Amino acid sequence: SSECTFDNLESSFAYAKKSGYEYLACGVGMYCKREMMVLKHCPVASSLTDGKLPGCSLCTQSEYALKDRMNKVYPLLKDDLCNMHLFEHQPLNRLDEIENHVRLGVVIFRITFTDETLEEIVRIVKKCAVLTKNLQQIINL
């Protein structure tokens, strides 16, 4: 869960070890924009039409988002069932914590892109490549 802190994870690993498990299969999301909610009502169709066009695909013709009173922009993405998914305005980025997770025993790391630009994706992937090279040293300690 993205709400799980490193301390929570550390406690889970300690409990598993105390319970006799040598290995705890655990994956951690290191980068993602967390989903806030799923909307059955489409704000795109409601704003651009009379709202009575189910499956209209208007949302596939451009990128859409909701902006709050603080000017934070929350991306909207459509799924195959015409539901709109509302995401956080900024990503959860735990990439700088990867060393601690590896030392703890985490072996699966997830990176999820939603509305990032190609430049942002390249920057994040390059950072992951650098971190991955450093991981070999950590694992061999």
N, C-alpha and C. Protein backbone atom coordinates (compact mmCIF):
# COMPACT_ATOMS: atom_id res chain seq x y z
N SER A 1 0.83 -1.18 0.00
CA SER A 1 0.00 0.00 0.00
C SER A 1 0.88 1.25 0.00
N SER A 2 0.49 2.25 -0.72
CA SER A 2 1.27 3.48 -0.77
C SER A 2 1.22 4.25 0.55
N GLU A 3 0.25 3.92 1.40
CA GLU A 3 0.17 4.57 2.71
C GLU A 3 1.15 3.95 3.71
N CYS A 4 1.69 2.80 3.38
CA CYS A 4 2.61 2.10 4.27
C CYS A 4 3.94 2.85 4.34
N THR A 5 4.35 3.21 5.54
CA THR A 5 5.61 3.91 5.72
C THR A 5 6.75 2.89 5.81
N PHE A 6 7.97 3.40 5.76
CA PHE A 6 9.12 2.52 5.91
C PHE A 6 9.10 1.86 7.29
N ASP A 7 8.70 2.60 8.32
CA ASP A 7 8.63 2.03 9.67
C ASP A 7 7.61 0.89 9.73
N ASN A 8 6.47 1.05 9.05
CA ASN A 8 5.47 -0.04 8.99
C ASN A 8 6.06 -1.27 8.32
N LEU A 9 6.76 -1.04 7.24
CA LEU A 9 7.38 -2.13 6.49
C LEU A 9 8.44 -2.82 7.34
N GLU A 10 9.23 -2.05 8.04
CA GLU A 10 10.27 -2.60 8.91
C GLU A 10 9.64 -3.48 10.00
N SER A 11 8.53 -3.02 10.56
CA SER A 11 7.82 -3.80 11.58
C SER A 11 7.30 -5.11 11.00
N SER A 12 6.78 -5.05 9.78
CA SER A 12 6.26 -6.27 9.12
C SER A 12 7.37 -7.28 8.89
N PHE A 13 8.52 -6.80 8.44
CA PHE A 13 9.66 -7.69 8.22
C PHE A 13 10.15 -8.30 9.54
N ALA A 14 10.19 -7.50 10.60
CA ALA A 14 10.62 -7.99 11.91
C ALA A 14 9.64 -9.05 12.42
N TYR A 15 8.35 -8.80 12.25
CA TYR A 15 7.33 -9.75 12.70
C TYR A 15 7.45 -11.06 11.91
N ALA A 16 7.66 -10.95 10.60
CA ALA A 16 7.80 -12.15 9.78
C ALA A 16 9.02 -12.97 10.21
N LYS A 17 10.12 -12.29 10.47
CA LYS A 17 11.34 -12.98 10.90
C LYS A 17 11.13 -13.65 12.25
N LYS A 18 10.47 -12.93 13.17
CA LYS A 18 10.18 -13.47 14.50
C LYS A 18 9.26 -14.68 14.40
N SER A 19 8.41 -14.69 13.38
CA SER A 19 7.45 -15.78 13.19
C SER A 19 8.06 -16.97 12.45
N GLY A 20 9.35 -16.86 12.12
CA GLY A 20 10.03 -18.00 11.50
C GLY A 20 10.18 -17.94 10.00
N TYR A 21 9.75 -16.87 9.38
CA TYR A 21 9.90 -16.73 7.94
C TYR A 21 11.27 -16.15 7.62
N GLU A 22 11.98 -16.80 6.70
CA GLU A 22 13.29 -16.28 6.30
C GLU A 22 13.15 -15.20 5.24
N TYR A 23 12.07 -15.26 4.51
CA TYR A 23 11.90 -14.38 3.36
C TYR A 23 10.47 -13.87 3.34
N LEU A 24 10.30 -12.61 3.09
CA LEU A 24 8.98 -12.01 2.97
C LEU A 24 8.86 -11.41 1.57
N ALA A 25 8.02 -12.01 0.74
CA ALA A 25 7.82 -11.49 -0.62
C ALA A 25 7.06 -10.18 -0.52
N CYS A 26 7.72 -9.12 -0.86
CA CYS A 26 7.13 -7.81 -0.68
C CYS A 26 7.57 -6.88 -1.80
N GLY A 27 6.63 -6.19 -2.38
CA GLY A 27 6.94 -5.21 -3.40
C GLY A 27 6.56 -3.82 -2.89
N VAL A 28 7.33 -2.83 -3.31
CA VAL A 28 7.09 -1.47 -2.85
C VAL A 28 6.99 -0.54 -4.06
N GLY A 29 5.96 0.28 -4.06
CA GLY A 29 5.83 1.31 -5.09
C GLY A 29 6.80 2.44 -4.77
N MET A 30 7.73 2.67 -5.67
CA MET A 30 8.76 3.68 -5.43
C MET A 30 8.43 5.01 -6.11
N TYR A 31 7.62 4.96 -7.15
CA TYR A 31 7.23 6.19 -7.84
C TYR A 31 5.86 5.97 -8.46
N CYS A 32 4.93 6.86 -8.15
CA CYS A 32 3.60 6.80 -8.78
C CYS A 32 2.80 8.03 -8.38
N LYS A 33 1.82 8.33 -9.16
CA LYS A 33 0.79 9.28 -8.74
C LYS A 33 -0.35 8.41 -8.22
N ARG A 34 -0.65 8.60 -6.95
CA ARG A 34 -1.65 7.74 -6.33
C ARG A 34 -3.05 8.10 -6.81
N GLU A 35 -3.84 7.05 -7.01
CA GLU A 35 -5.23 7.26 -7.41
C GLU A 35 -6.03 7.73 -6.20
N MET A 36 -6.76 8.81 -6.39
CA MET A 36 -7.56 9.36 -5.30
C MET A 36 -8.99 8.80 -5.31
N MET A 37 -9.55 8.67 -6.51
CA MET A 37 -10.92 8.15 -6.60
C MET A 37 -11.23 7.75 -8.04
N VAL A 38 -12.28 6.95 -8.17
CA VAL A 38 -12.80 6.56 -9.47
C VAL A 38 -14.17 7.21 -9.61
N LEU A 39 -14.35 7.91 -10.72
CA LEU A 39 -15.60 8.63 -10.96
C LEU A 39 -16.44 7.91 -12.00
N LYS A 40 -17.65 7.55 -11.66
CA LYS A 40 -18.58 6.97 -12.63
C LYS A 40 -19.17 8.08 -13.50
N HIS A 41 -19.31 9.25 -12.91
CA HIS A 41 -19.81 10.42 -13.62
C HIS A 41 -18.61 11.09 -14.31
N CYS A 42 -18.72 11.34 -15.58
CA CYS A 42 -17.59 11.88 -16.35
C CYS A 42 -17.61 13.41 -16.37
N PRO A 43 -16.63 14.04 -15.72
CA PRO A 43 -16.59 15.50 -15.74
C PRO A 43 -16.25 16.06 -17.12
N VAL A 44 -15.59 15.28 -17.95
CA VAL A 44 -15.25 15.75 -19.30
C VAL A 44 -16.52 15.85 -20.14
N ALA A 45 -17.30 14.77 -20.19
CA ALA A 45 -18.54 14.78 -20.97
C ALA A 45 -19.52 15.82 -20.41
N SER A 46 -19.56 15.96 -19.10
CA SER A 46 -20.47 16.94 -18.48
C SER A 46 -20.09 18.36 -18.83
N SER A 47 -18.80 18.61 -18.95
CA SER A 47 -18.34 19.97 -19.24
C SER A 47 -18.43 20.31 -20.72
N LEU A 48 -18.20 19.33 -21.58
CA LEU A 48 -18.13 19.60 -23.02
C LEU A 48 -19.42 19.31 -23.77
N THR A 49 -20.33 18.57 -23.14
CA THR A 49 -21.61 18.24 -23.80
C THR A 49 -22.73 18.36 -22.76
N ASP A 50 -23.85 17.81 -23.09
CA ASP A 50 -24.96 17.82 -22.14
C ASP A 50 -24.82 16.71 -21.09
N GLY A 51 -23.71 15.94 -21.16
CA GLY A 51 -23.47 14.89 -20.20
C GLY A 51 -24.18 13.60 -20.49
N LYS A 52 -24.86 13.51 -21.63
CA LYS A 52 -25.65 12.32 -21.95
C LYS A 52 -25.03 11.52 -23.09
N LEU A 53 -23.70 11.48 -23.12
CA LEU A 53 -23.02 10.74 -24.18
C LEU A 53 -22.15 9.63 -23.59
N PRO A 54 -22.74 8.54 -23.12
CA PRO A 54 -21.91 7.46 -22.57
C PRO A 54 -21.03 6.88 -23.66
N GLY A 55 -19.77 6.66 -23.34
CA GLY A 55 -18.84 6.10 -24.32
C GLY A 55 -18.48 7.08 -25.42
N CYS A 56 -18.55 8.37 -25.15
CA CYS A 56 -18.33 9.39 -26.20
C CYS A 56 -16.86 9.50 -26.61
N SER A 57 -15.94 9.05 -25.77
CA SER A 57 -14.49 9.09 -26.02
C SER A 57 -13.93 10.50 -26.14
N LEU A 58 -14.64 11.50 -25.66
CA LEU A 58 -14.11 12.86 -25.67
C LEU A 58 -12.80 12.94 -24.88
N CYS A 59 -12.72 12.16 -23.81
CA CYS A 59 -11.54 12.22 -22.94
C CYS A 59 -10.29 11.63 -23.59
N THR A 60 -10.46 10.91 -24.69
CA THR A 60 -9.28 10.35 -25.38
C THR A 60 -8.71 11.33 -26.40
N GLN A 61 -9.41 12.42 -26.65
CA GLN A 61 -8.97 13.37 -27.66
C GLN A 61 -7.99 14.41 -27.13
N SER A 62 -7.85 14.48 -25.81
CA SER A 62 -6.95 15.43 -25.19
C SER A 62 -6.67 14.97 -23.76
N GLU A 63 -5.79 15.68 -23.07
CA GLU A 63 -5.54 15.38 -21.66
C GLU A 63 -6.40 16.31 -20.81
N TYR A 64 -6.97 15.75 -19.76
CA TYR A 64 -7.85 16.53 -18.89
C TYR A 64 -7.42 16.39 -17.44
N ALA A 65 -7.76 17.38 -16.66
CA ALA A 65 -7.44 17.39 -15.24
C ALA A 65 -8.40 18.32 -14.53
N LEU A 66 -8.45 18.18 -13.22
CA LEU A 66 -9.21 19.09 -12.38
C LEU A 66 -8.22 19.98 -11.65
N LYS A 67 -8.54 21.27 -11.54
CA LYS A 67 -7.67 22.21 -10.84
C LYS A 67 -8.40 22.72 -9.62
N ASP A 68 -7.72 22.68 -8.47
CA ASP A 68 -8.36 23.16 -7.25
C ASP A 68 -8.09 24.64 -7.03
N ARG A 69 -8.61 25.17 -5.95
CA ARG A 69 -8.48 26.60 -5.67
C ARG A 69 -7.03 27.02 -5.39
N MET A 70 -6.15 26.06 -5.12
CA MET A 70 -4.73 26.35 -4.89
C MET A 70 -3.92 26.18 -6.18
N ASN A 71 -4.63 26.00 -7.30
CA ASN A 71 -4.04 25.79 -8.63
C ASN A 71 -3.26 24.49 -8.76
N LYS A 72 -3.56 23.52 -7.93
CA LYS A 72 -2.97 22.19 -8.07
C LYS A 72 -3.78 21.44 -9.11
N VAL A 73 -3.07 20.76 -10.01
CA VAL A 73 -3.71 20.08 -11.14
C VAL A 73 -3.73 18.57 -10.88
N TYR A 74 -4.92 17.99 -10.90
CA TYR A 74 -5.13 16.57 -10.63
C TYR A 74 -5.50 15.88 -11.94
N PRO A 75 -4.63 15.03 -12.46
CA PRO A 75 -4.90 14.37 -13.75
C PRO A 75 -6.13 13.45 -13.71
N LEU A 76 -6.83 13.41 -14.83
CA LEU A 76 -7.96 12.50 -15.03
C LEU A 76 -7.59 11.54 -16.15
N LEU A 77 -7.76 10.24 -15.90
CA LEU A 77 -7.50 9.24 -16.93
C LEU A 77 -8.69 8.30 -17.02
N LYS A 78 -9.07 7.94 -18.24
CA LYS A 78 -10.22 7.07 -18.50
C LYS A 78 -9.77 5.62 -18.59
N ASP A 79 -10.60 4.71 -18.07
CA ASP A 79 -10.32 3.29 -18.26
C ASP A 79 -11.22 2.73 -19.36
N ASP A 80 -11.14 1.43 -19.62
CA ASP A 80 -11.89 0.80 -20.71
C ASP A 80 -13.40 0.78 -20.47
N LEU A 81 -13.82 0.99 -19.22
CA LEU A 81 -15.25 0.97 -18.89
C LEU A 81 -15.83 2.37 -18.80
N CYS A 82 -15.09 3.36 -19.28
CA CYS A 82 -15.53 4.75 -19.30
C CYS A 82 -15.62 5.37 -17.91
N ASN A 83 -14.86 4.83 -16.97
CA ASN A 83 -14.73 5.44 -15.65
C ASN A 83 -13.54 6.40 -15.69
N MET A 84 -13.64 7.48 -14.96
CA MET A 84 -12.54 8.43 -14.88
C MET A 84 -11.81 8.23 -13.56
N HIS A 85 -10.49 8.16 -13.64
CA HIS A 85 -9.65 7.98 -12.46
C HIS A 85 -8.95 9.31 -12.16
N LEU A 86 -9.12 9.78 -10.94
CA LEU A 86 -8.53 11.03 -10.51
C LEU A 86 -7.27 10.72 -9.70
N PHE A 87 -6.15 11.34 -10.09
CA PHE A 87 -4.86 11.07 -9.46
C PHE A 87 -4.35 12.29 -8.69
N GLU A 88 -3.47 12.02 -7.73
CA GLU A 88 -2.81 13.08 -6.96
C GLU A 88 -2.12 14.07 -7.89
N HIS A 89 -1.97 15.29 -7.43
CA HIS A 89 -1.33 16.32 -8.25
C HIS A 89 0.19 16.15 -8.32
N GLN A 90 0.79 15.50 -7.32
CA GLN A 90 2.23 15.27 -7.37
C GLN A 90 2.50 13.81 -7.04
N PRO A 91 3.58 13.27 -7.58
CA PRO A 91 3.85 11.85 -7.38
C PRO A 91 4.40 11.53 -5.99
N LEU A 92 4.15 10.32 -5.58
CA LEU A 92 4.83 9.74 -4.43
C LEU A 92 6.18 9.28 -4.97
N ASN A 93 7.25 9.84 -4.45
CA ASN A 93 8.59 9.52 -4.97
C ASN A 93 9.46 9.04 -3.83
N ARG A 94 9.69 7.73 -3.80
CA ARG A 94 10.52 7.11 -2.76
C ARG A 94 11.85 6.62 -3.33
N LEU A 95 12.21 7.07 -4.50
CA LEU A 95 13.42 6.56 -5.15
C LEU A 95 14.67 6.77 -4.30
N ASP A 96 14.73 7.86 -3.56
CA ASP A 96 15.90 8.12 -2.72
C ASP A 96 15.96 7.20 -1.50
N GLU A 97 14.90 6.46 -1.25
CA GLU A 97 14.86 5.55 -0.10
C GLU A 97 15.16 4.11 -0.49
N ILE A 98 15.52 3.87 -1.73
CA ILE A 98 15.66 2.50 -2.23
C ILE A 98 16.72 1.71 -1.46
N GLU A 99 17.81 2.35 -1.07
CA GLU A 99 18.86 1.65 -0.32
C GLU A 99 18.30 1.05 0.96
N ASN A 100 17.54 1.83 1.70
CA ASN A 100 16.96 1.33 2.95
C ASN A 100 16.05 0.14 2.71
N HIS A 101 15.28 0.19 1.64
CA HIS A 101 14.37 -0.91 1.32
C HIS A 101 15.15 -2.17 0.94
N VAL A 102 16.22 -2.02 0.19
CA VAL A 102 17.03 -3.19 -0.19
C VAL A 102 17.66 -3.80 1.05
N ARG A 103 18.21 -2.99 1.92
CA ARG A 103 18.83 -3.49 3.16
C ARG A 103 17.80 -4.23 4.02
N LEU A 104 16.57 -3.77 3.97
CA LEU A 104 15.50 -4.40 4.73
C LEU A 104 15.14 -5.77 4.15
N GLY A 105 15.30 -5.92 2.83
CA GLY A 105 14.99 -7.19 2.19
C GLY A 105 13.95 -7.10 1.08
N VAL A 106 13.53 -5.90 0.74
CA VAL A 106 12.57 -5.73 -0.34
C VAL A 106 13.28 -6.05 -1.66
N VAL A 107 12.63 -6.86 -2.49
CA VAL A 107 13.25 -7.27 -3.76
C VAL A 107 12.45 -6.85 -4.99
N ILE A 108 11.25 -6.36 -4.78
CA ILE A 108 10.40 -5.96 -5.90
C ILE A 108 10.08 -4.47 -5.76
N PHE A 109 10.39 -3.72 -6.81
CA PHE A 109 10.13 -2.29 -6.80
C PHE A 109 9.26 -1.93 -8.00
N ARG A 110 8.26 -1.10 -7.77
CA ARG A 110 7.32 -0.74 -8.83
C ARG A 110 7.41 0.77 -9.12
N ILE A 111 7.44 1.07 -10.40
CA ILE A 111 7.39 2.46 -10.86
C ILE A 111 6.20 2.54 -11.81
N THR A 112 5.29 3.46 -11.56
CA THR A 112 4.09 3.58 -12.38
C THR A 112 4.00 5.00 -12.94
N PHE A 113 3.86 5.09 -14.24
CA PHE A 113 3.70 6.40 -14.89
C PHE A 113 2.24 6.57 -15.30
N THR A 114 1.73 7.78 -15.14
CA THR A 114 0.35 8.07 -15.52
C THR A 114 0.32 9.14 -16.61
N ASP A 115 0.65 10.36 -16.24
CA ASP A 115 0.57 11.46 -17.20
C ASP A 115 1.91 12.18 -17.37
N GLU A 116 3.01 11.53 -16.98
CA GLU A 116 4.32 12.16 -17.09
C GLU A 116 4.71 12.36 -18.54
N THR A 117 5.46 13.40 -18.78
CA THR A 117 5.97 13.66 -20.13
C THR A 117 7.11 12.70 -20.43
N LEU A 118 7.47 12.59 -21.69
CA LEU A 118 8.59 11.74 -22.08
C LEU A 118 9.86 12.16 -21.35
N GLU A 119 10.07 13.45 -21.21
CA GLU A 119 11.26 13.96 -20.53
C GLU A 119 11.28 13.54 -19.07
N GLU A 120 10.12 13.61 -18.41
CA GLU A 120 10.05 13.18 -17.01
C GLU A 120 10.32 11.68 -16.88
N ILE A 121 9.77 10.90 -17.80
CA ILE A 121 9.98 9.46 -17.76
C ILE A 121 11.45 9.13 -17.95
N VAL A 122 12.09 9.77 -18.92
CA VAL A 122 13.51 9.53 -19.18
C VAL A 122 14.34 9.89 -17.95
N ARG A 123 14.04 11.02 -17.32
CA ARG A 123 14.78 11.45 -16.13
C ARG A 123 14.63 10.43 -15.00
N ILE A 124 13.43 9.93 -14.78
CA ILE A 124 13.18 8.97 -13.70
C ILE A 124 13.85 7.63 -14.01
N VAL A 125 13.75 7.18 -15.25
CA VAL A 125 14.38 5.91 -15.63
C VAL A 125 15.90 5.99 -15.51
N LYS A 126 16.48 7.13 -15.90
CA LYS A 126 17.93 7.31 -15.74
C LYS A 126 18.32 7.27 -14.27
N LYS A 127 17.52 7.90 -13.42
CA LYS A 127 17.80 7.87 -11.99
C LYS A 127 17.73 6.44 -11.47
N CYS A 128 16.76 5.68 -11.95
CA CYS A 128 16.63 4.28 -11.55
C CYS A 128 17.83 3.47 -12.01
N ALA A 129 18.34 3.77 -13.20
CA ALA A 129 19.51 3.06 -13.71
C ALA A 129 20.72 3.31 -12.81
N VAL A 130 20.90 4.55 -12.39
CA VAL A 130 22.01 4.87 -11.48
C VAL A 130 21.83 4.15 -10.15
N LEU A 131 20.62 4.19 -9.62
CA LEU A 131 20.35 3.51 -8.35
C LEU A 131 20.55 2.01 -8.47
N THR A 132 20.18 1.43 -9.59
CA THR A 132 20.34 0.00 -9.81
C THR A 132 21.81 -0.40 -9.80
N LYS A 133 22.66 0.42 -10.40
CA LYS A 133 24.10 0.14 -10.37
C LYS A 133 24.61 0.15 -8.94
N ASN A 134 24.12 1.07 -8.14
CA ASN A 134 24.54 1.16 -6.73
C ASN A 134 24.00 0.00 -5.89
N LEU A 135 22.89 -0.59 -6.31
CA LEU A 135 22.29 -1.67 -5.54
C LEU A 135 23.18 -2.90 -5.44
N GLN A 136 23.92 -3.17 -6.48
CA GLN A 136 24.81 -4.35 -6.47
C GLN A 136 25.79 -4.25 -5.30
N GLN A 137 26.31 -3.07 -5.05
CA GLN A 137 27.22 -2.88 -3.92
C GLN A 137 26.50 -3.12 -2.59
N ILE A 138 25.28 -2.63 -2.50
CA ILE A 138 24.51 -2.79 -1.26
C ILE A 138 24.22 -4.26 -1.00
N ILE A 139 23.82 -4.98 -2.03
CA ILE A 139 23.45 -6.39 -1.89
C ILE A 139 24.66 -7.22 -1.47
N ASN A 140 25.83 -6.87 -1.95
CA ASN A 140 27.05 -7.64 -1.65
C ASN A 140 27.66 -7.30 -0.30
N LEU A 141 27.11 -6.36 0.44
CA LEU A 141 27.67 -6.00 1.75
C LEU A 141 27.56 -7.12 2.73
